[in-house]
Amino acid sequence: MSRKLRRNVPEYLKQVGEPRGGENIRLEDWASALIKHIAYDAQLTTIRFLLYRLRKHDKELDEEIRRLHEYEGPHQERAVDEWVDLVHDSVYQGAANSMAAVGMLAPFIESIFCGGFETIREEFFEDDSPYDAHPHPRWDRAEKTRWDCHSVYTDKSGRPAKDLVGGIFELAEAVRLSPYLPTDLKQTLKALFAYRNKMFHWGFEWPPEERKAFATQIAQWPSNWFATATEDGNPWIFYLTDVFVDHCLEQVDQVVLGIGAYVDAQLKAEHEKP
């Protein structure tokens, strides 16, 4: 293990190759050497906990709506009024919870890749030999942006275009990380960041043309990833479903395992060099 990388991993990982200590190392442990810029496990635990609380609140509201809908008694008129108010409120509460979910998941995933690529550059691309061993059109571009996963190169001029998802996968291909990532991750990230961009630019209720465009866009993804509230038969407010949020969390777990496997493979390759 390189001297620099040894400083970035937990103490017990430094025993790899010794008589004791290496046999119980998990891929998640190796991942911590690459995702060194954030406490990703603590963040993920907090995200999961908050999502649980939001879902619990949603279920409580749904139960109250159901109770009022089924109410039969002397206060029927008042119960109907309260039911109408709660149904209306639930539309916006659902939107707020979806914004909270995408507001945690999208930057969390973005930070994993942005910081991870920077560590790959520091640890495994210190000189020219890795670039020569793994040629890629990206390495011919400007030094300043070749490692910026927010950009993707679209032509031979070397001018980058802003595209986070495209940049992540172009850079992953360049450093040979792609085989370690989930096969459907690109589709997941496209859906997640497309929704993030809409919500953080337009809030809960988007301009009509944006609603129609997104309704067309989500048709290319699994039908259980998004839910839609309508107004006069037209798309009104879009929501992340629990199915999609859980899928994103599962993808994060797989990305962490993949990064760990990548680090393990890179270190083994270094060790086998003559």
Protein backbone atom coordinates (compact mmCIF):
# COMPACT_ATOMS: atom_id res chain seq x y z
CA MET A 1 0.00 0.00 0.00
CA SER A 2 1.36 3.42 -0.96
CA ARG A 3 2.52 5.74 1.79
CA LYS A 4 -0.16 8.32 0.96
CA LEU A 5 -3.00 5.81 0.84
CA ARG A 6 -1.96 4.35 4.19
CA ARG A 7 -2.76 7.72 5.79
CA ASN A 8 -6.33 7.64 4.48
CA VAL A 9 -7.55 4.27 5.71
CA PRO A 10 -8.52 2.98 9.16
CA GLU A 11 -5.64 1.69 11.26
CA TYR A 12 -6.63 -1.97 10.96
CA LEU A 13 -6.46 -1.84 7.15
CA LYS A 14 -2.75 -1.14 7.36
CA GLN A 15 -2.25 -4.77 8.41
CA VAL A 16 -3.07 -6.08 4.94
CA GLY A 17 -0.41 -8.52 3.89
CA GLU A 18 0.61 -9.15 7.50
CA PRO A 19 0.05 -12.50 9.25
CA ARG A 20 -3.08 -11.20 11.01
CA GLY A 21 -5.74 -8.56 10.35
CA GLY A 22 -6.40 -8.66 6.62
CA GLU A 23 -8.74 -11.60 6.37
CA ASN A 24 -11.82 -9.75 7.69
CA ILE A 25 -11.55 -6.63 5.55
CA ARG A 26 -14.73 -5.76 3.69
CA LEU A 27 -15.06 -3.82 0.44
CA GLU A 28 -16.73 -1.00 2.38
CA ASP A 29 -13.51 -0.66 4.34
CA TRP A 30 -11.49 -0.18 1.18
CA ALA A 31 -14.04 2.38 -0.02
CA SER A 32 -13.22 4.60 2.95
CA ALA A 33 -9.72 5.04 1.53
CA LEU A 34 -11.16 6.65 -1.59
CA ILE A 35 -14.16 8.47 -0.11
CA LYS A 36 -11.92 10.14 2.45
CA HIS A 37 -13.30 13.67 2.15
CA ILE A 38 -16.66 12.94 3.82
CA ALA A 39 -18.00 10.67 6.56
CA TYR A 40 -20.23 8.95 4.00
CA ASP A 41 -21.45 6.24 6.37
CA ALA A 42 -22.55 8.80 8.99
CA GLN A 43 -24.24 10.90 6.31
CA LEU A 44 -26.04 7.88 4.89
CA THR A 45 -27.28 6.85 8.33
CA THR A 46 -28.64 10.35 8.92
CA ILE A 47 -30.31 10.43 5.51
CA ARG A 48 -31.99 7.09 6.12
CA PHE A 49 -33.23 8.23 9.53
CA LEU A 50 -34.71 11.47 8.22
CA LEU A 51 -36.38 9.66 5.33
CA TYR A 52 -37.92 7.28 7.85
CA ARG A 53 -39.33 10.21 9.84
CA LEU A 54 -40.75 11.84 6.70
CA ARG A 55 -42.45 8.61 5.69
CA LYS A 56 -43.83 8.19 9.21
CA HIS A 57 -45.33 11.68 9.03
CA ASP A 58 -46.86 10.88 5.63
CA LYS A 59 -48.45 7.71 6.98
CA GLU A 60 -49.89 9.61 9.94
CA LEU A 61 -51.41 12.19 7.60
CA ASP A 62 -52.82 9.46 5.35
CA GLU A 63 -54.37 7.77 8.38
CA GLU A 64 -56.02 11.01 9.51
CA ILE A 65 -57.37 11.59 6.00
CA ARG A 66 -58.78 8.06 5.95
CA ARG A 67 -60.33 8.50 9.41
CA LEU A 68 -62.10 11.70 8.40
CA HIS A 69 -63.28 10.19 5.13
CA GLU A 70 -64.88 7.27 6.95
CA TYR A 71 -66.37 9.39 9.74
CA GLU A 72 -70.13 9.13 10.24
CA GLY A 73 -71.57 11.15 13.09
CA PRO A 74 -73.08 14.42 14.24
CA HIS A 75 -70.09 16.46 13.02
CA GLN A 76 -70.16 15.18 9.45
CA GLU A 77 -69.98 18.62 7.84
CA ARG A 78 -66.97 19.65 9.89
CA ALA A 79 -65.25 16.32 9.16
CA VAL A 80 -65.72 16.87 5.42
CA ASP A 81 -64.21 20.37 5.66
CA GLU A 82 -61.22 19.04 7.57
CA TRP A 83 -60.84 16.18 5.09
CA VAL A 84 -60.74 18.61 2.15
CA ASP A 85 -58.11 20.75 3.90
CA LEU A 86 -55.92 17.77 4.74
CA VAL A 87 -56.11 16.33 1.22
CA HIS A 88 -55.03 19.72 -0.13
CA ASP A 89 -52.23 19.96 2.43
CA SER A 90 -51.03 16.44 1.58
CA VAL A 91 -50.31 17.49 -2.00
CA TYR A 92 -47.75 20.03 -0.79
CA GLN A 93 -46.44 17.92 2.08
CA GLY A 94 -45.62 15.19 -0.42
CA ALA A 95 -43.80 17.71 -2.60
CA ALA A 96 -41.85 19.03 0.38
CA ASN A 97 -40.82 15.52 1.38
CA SER A 98 -39.72 14.75 -2.16
CA MET A 99 -37.66 17.93 -2.23
CA ALA A 100 -36.08 16.94 1.08
CA ALA A 101 -35.26 13.48 -0.28
CA VAL A 102 -33.70 14.69 -3.53
CA GLY A 103 -31.99 17.52 -1.65
CA MET A 104 -30.14 14.97 0.46
CA LEU A 105 -29.54 12.19 -2.05
CA ALA A 106 -28.39 14.18 -5.10
CA PRO A 107 -25.58 16.21 -3.46
CA PHE A 108 -24.55 13.21 -1.37
CA ILE A 109 -24.03 11.07 -4.48
CA GLU A 110 -22.39 13.96 -6.30
CA SER A 111 -19.90 14.45 -3.46
CA ILE A 112 -18.98 10.76 -3.44
CA PHE A 113 -17.98 10.87 -7.09
CA CYS A 114 -16.38 14.33 -7.12
CA GLY A 115 -14.19 13.58 -4.11
CA GLY A 116 -13.59 10.01 -5.18
CA PHE A 117 -12.21 11.03 -8.57
CA GLU A 118 -9.93 13.57 -6.92
CA THR A 119 -8.54 10.84 -4.65
CA ILE A 120 -8.06 8.52 -7.63
CA ARG A 121 -6.03 11.27 -9.29
CA GLU A 122 -3.90 11.77 -6.17
CA GLU A 123 -3.34 8.09 -5.43
CA PHE A 124 -3.25 6.26 -8.75
CA PHE A 125 -2.39 8.93 -11.35
CA GLU A 126 0.59 10.60 -9.73
CA ASP A 127 2.79 10.38 -12.84
CA ASP A 128 2.38 9.78 -16.57
CA SER A 129 2.44 5.99 -16.47
CA PRO A 130 -1.27 5.48 -15.57
CA TYR A 131 -2.29 7.84 -18.37
CA ASP A 132 -0.14 5.88 -20.80
CA ALA A 133 -1.46 2.56 -19.52
CA HIS A 134 -5.11 3.67 -19.72
CA PRO A 135 -5.40 5.97 -22.76
CA HIS A 136 -8.62 7.92 -23.06
CA PRO A 137 -9.66 10.97 -25.11
CA ARG A 138 -10.29 12.82 -21.87
CA TRP A 139 -6.57 12.83 -21.02
CA ASP A 140 -5.91 14.87 -24.17
CA ARG A 141 -8.08 17.73 -22.89
CA ALA A 142 -7.30 20.72 -20.72
CA GLU A 143 -5.52 19.86 -17.48
CA LYS A 144 -7.83 22.10 -15.46
CA THR A 145 -11.04 20.26 -16.30
CA ARG A 146 -10.01 16.72 -17.24
CA TRP A 147 -10.72 15.56 -13.66
CA ASP A 148 -13.88 17.65 -13.20
CA CYS A 149 -16.80 15.23 -13.35
CA HIS A 150 -19.23 18.12 -13.87
CA SER A 151 -18.03 18.33 -17.47
CA VAL A 152 -18.14 16.01 -20.45
CA TYR A 153 -16.16 16.49 -23.67
CA THR A 154 -18.33 16.54 -26.77
CA ASP A 155 -15.90 17.27 -29.62
CA LYS A 156 -12.22 17.34 -30.53
CA SER A 157 -11.84 21.00 -29.62
CA GLY A 158 -11.48 20.09 -25.96
CA ARG A 159 -14.25 22.44 -24.89
CA PRO A 160 -16.18 20.89 -22.01
CA ALA A 161 -19.96 20.86 -21.78
CA LYS A 162 -21.70 20.89 -18.43
CA ASP A 163 -23.19 17.45 -17.82
CA LEU A 164 -22.73 15.92 -14.39
CA VAL A 165 -24.05 12.44 -15.16
CA GLY A 166 -22.20 12.28 -18.47
CA GLY A 167 -19.04 13.56 -16.80
CA ILE A 168 -19.22 10.96 -14.04
CA PHE A 169 -19.46 8.10 -16.51
CA GLU A 170 -16.89 9.50 -18.92
CA LEU A 171 -14.37 9.89 -16.10
CA ALA A 172 -15.30 6.49 -14.65
CA GLU A 173 -14.54 4.97 -18.03
CA ALA A 174 -11.22 6.83 -18.22
CA VAL A 175 -10.00 5.54 -14.84
CA ARG A 176 -11.45 2.04 -15.36
CA LEU A 177 -14.00 2.42 -12.56
CA SER A 178 -16.98 1.64 -14.83
CA PRO A 179 -16.92 -2.17 -14.44
CA TYR A 180 -17.33 -1.76 -10.69
CA LEU A 181 -20.46 0.42 -10.86
CA PRO A 182 -24.08 -0.81 -10.95
CA THR A 183 -25.22 -1.50 -14.50
CA ASP A 184 -28.33 0.69 -14.19
CA LEU A 185 -26.67 3.53 -12.28
CA LYS A 186 -26.65 5.91 -15.25
CA GLN A 187 -30.41 5.71 -15.65
CA THR A 188 -30.87 6.24 -11.91
CA LEU A 189 -28.65 9.31 -11.82
CA LYS A 190 -30.28 10.83 -14.90
CA ALA A 191 -33.69 10.56 -13.25
CA LEU A 192 -32.48 11.79 -9.86
CA PHE A 193 -30.59 14.82 -11.13
CA ALA A 194 -33.27 15.74 -13.66
CA TYR A 195 -35.79 15.90 -10.82
CA ARG A 196 -33.31 17.74 -8.58
CA ASN A 197 -32.80 20.41 -11.23
CA LYS A 198 -36.53 20.95 -11.71
CA MET A 199 -37.33 21.12 -8.01
CA PHE A 200 -34.50 23.46 -7.09
CA HIS A 201 -35.14 25.77 -10.02
CA TRP A 202 -38.93 25.89 -9.91
CA GLY A 203 -40.02 24.70 -6.45
CA PHE A 204 -43.11 22.53 -6.01
CA GLU A 205 -45.24 23.92 -8.86
CA TRP A 206 -43.37 24.24 -12.14
CA PRO A 207 -44.36 26.28 -15.18
CA PRO A 208 -46.86 24.35 -17.37
CA GLU A 209 -44.33 23.76 -20.16
CA GLU A 210 -41.83 22.31 -17.64
CA ARG A 211 -44.50 19.96 -16.29
CA LYS A 212 -45.35 18.67 -19.75
CA ALA A 213 -41.69 18.21 -20.65
CA PHE A 214 -40.97 16.25 -17.47
CA ALA A 215 -44.07 14.09 -17.93
CA THR A 216 -42.65 13.11 -21.32
CA GLN A 217 -39.16 12.60 -19.90
CA ILE A 218 -40.17 10.23 -17.10
CA ALA A 219 -41.88 7.94 -19.60
CA GLN A 220 -38.41 6.53 -20.41
CA TRP A 221 -37.88 5.39 -16.81
CA PRO A 222 -39.67 2.75 -14.71
CA SER A 223 -43.27 3.79 -14.09
CA ASN A 224 -42.97 3.32 -10.32
CA TRP A 225 -40.16 5.88 -9.88
CA PHE A 226 -42.34 9.00 -9.97
CA ALA A 227 -45.90 9.88 -8.98
CA THR A 228 -47.87 12.76 -10.41
CA ALA A 229 -50.69 14.92 -9.05
CA THR A 230 -52.88 16.36 -11.81
CA GLU A 231 -54.96 19.48 -12.22
CA ASP A 232 -57.74 19.53 -14.81
CA GLY A 233 -56.22 16.41 -16.32
CA ASN A 234 -52.77 17.97 -16.74
CA PRO A 235 -49.55 17.26 -14.79
CA TRP A 236 -49.35 19.45 -11.71
CA ILE A 237 -46.83 18.26 -9.08
CA PHE A 238 -44.30 15.43 -9.36
CA TYR A 239 -43.10 13.25 -6.51
CA LEU A 240 -40.33 10.75 -5.87
CA THR A 241 -41.89 7.43 -4.92
CA ASP A 242 -40.66 5.39 -1.98
CA VAL A 243 -39.69 2.74 -4.54
CA PHE A 244 -37.32 5.13 -6.30
CA VAL A 245 -35.87 6.55 -3.08
CA ASP A 246 -35.16 3.02 -1.83
CA HIS A 247 -33.64 2.19 -5.20
CA CYS A 248 -31.30 5.20 -4.90
CA LEU A 249 -30.21 4.09 -1.44
CA GLU A 250 -29.52 0.58 -2.75
CA GLN A 251 -27.50 2.08 -5.59
CA VAL A 252 -25.42 4.07 -3.11
CA ASP A 253 -24.63 0.86 -1.23
CA GLN A 254 -23.59 -0.80 -4.50
CA VAL A 255 -21.46 2.19 -5.51
CA VAL A 256 -19.62 2.03 -2.18
CA LEU A 257 -18.98 -1.69 -2.68
CA GLY A 258 -17.83 -1.03 -6.22
CA ILE A 259 -15.43 1.68 -5.12
CA GLY A 260 -14.05 -0.67 -2.50
CA ALA A 261 -13.53 -3.38 -5.10
CA TYR A 262 -11.83 -0.83 -7.37
CA VAL A 263 -9.39 0.23 -4.64
CA ASP A 264 -8.66 -3.41 -3.81
CA ALA A 265 -7.95 -4.18 -7.46
CA GLN A 266 -5.71 -1.13 -7.92
CA LEU A 267 -3.64 -1.96 -4.85
CA LYS A 268 -3.25 -5.58 -5.93
CA ALA A 269 -2.12 -4.42 -9.36
CA GLU A 270 0.45 -2.09 -7.78
CA HIS A 271 1.67 -4.90 -5.53
CA GLU A 272 2.14 -7.21 -8.53
CA LYS A 273 4.23 -4.72 -10.46
CA PRO A 274 7.85 -5.93 -10.90
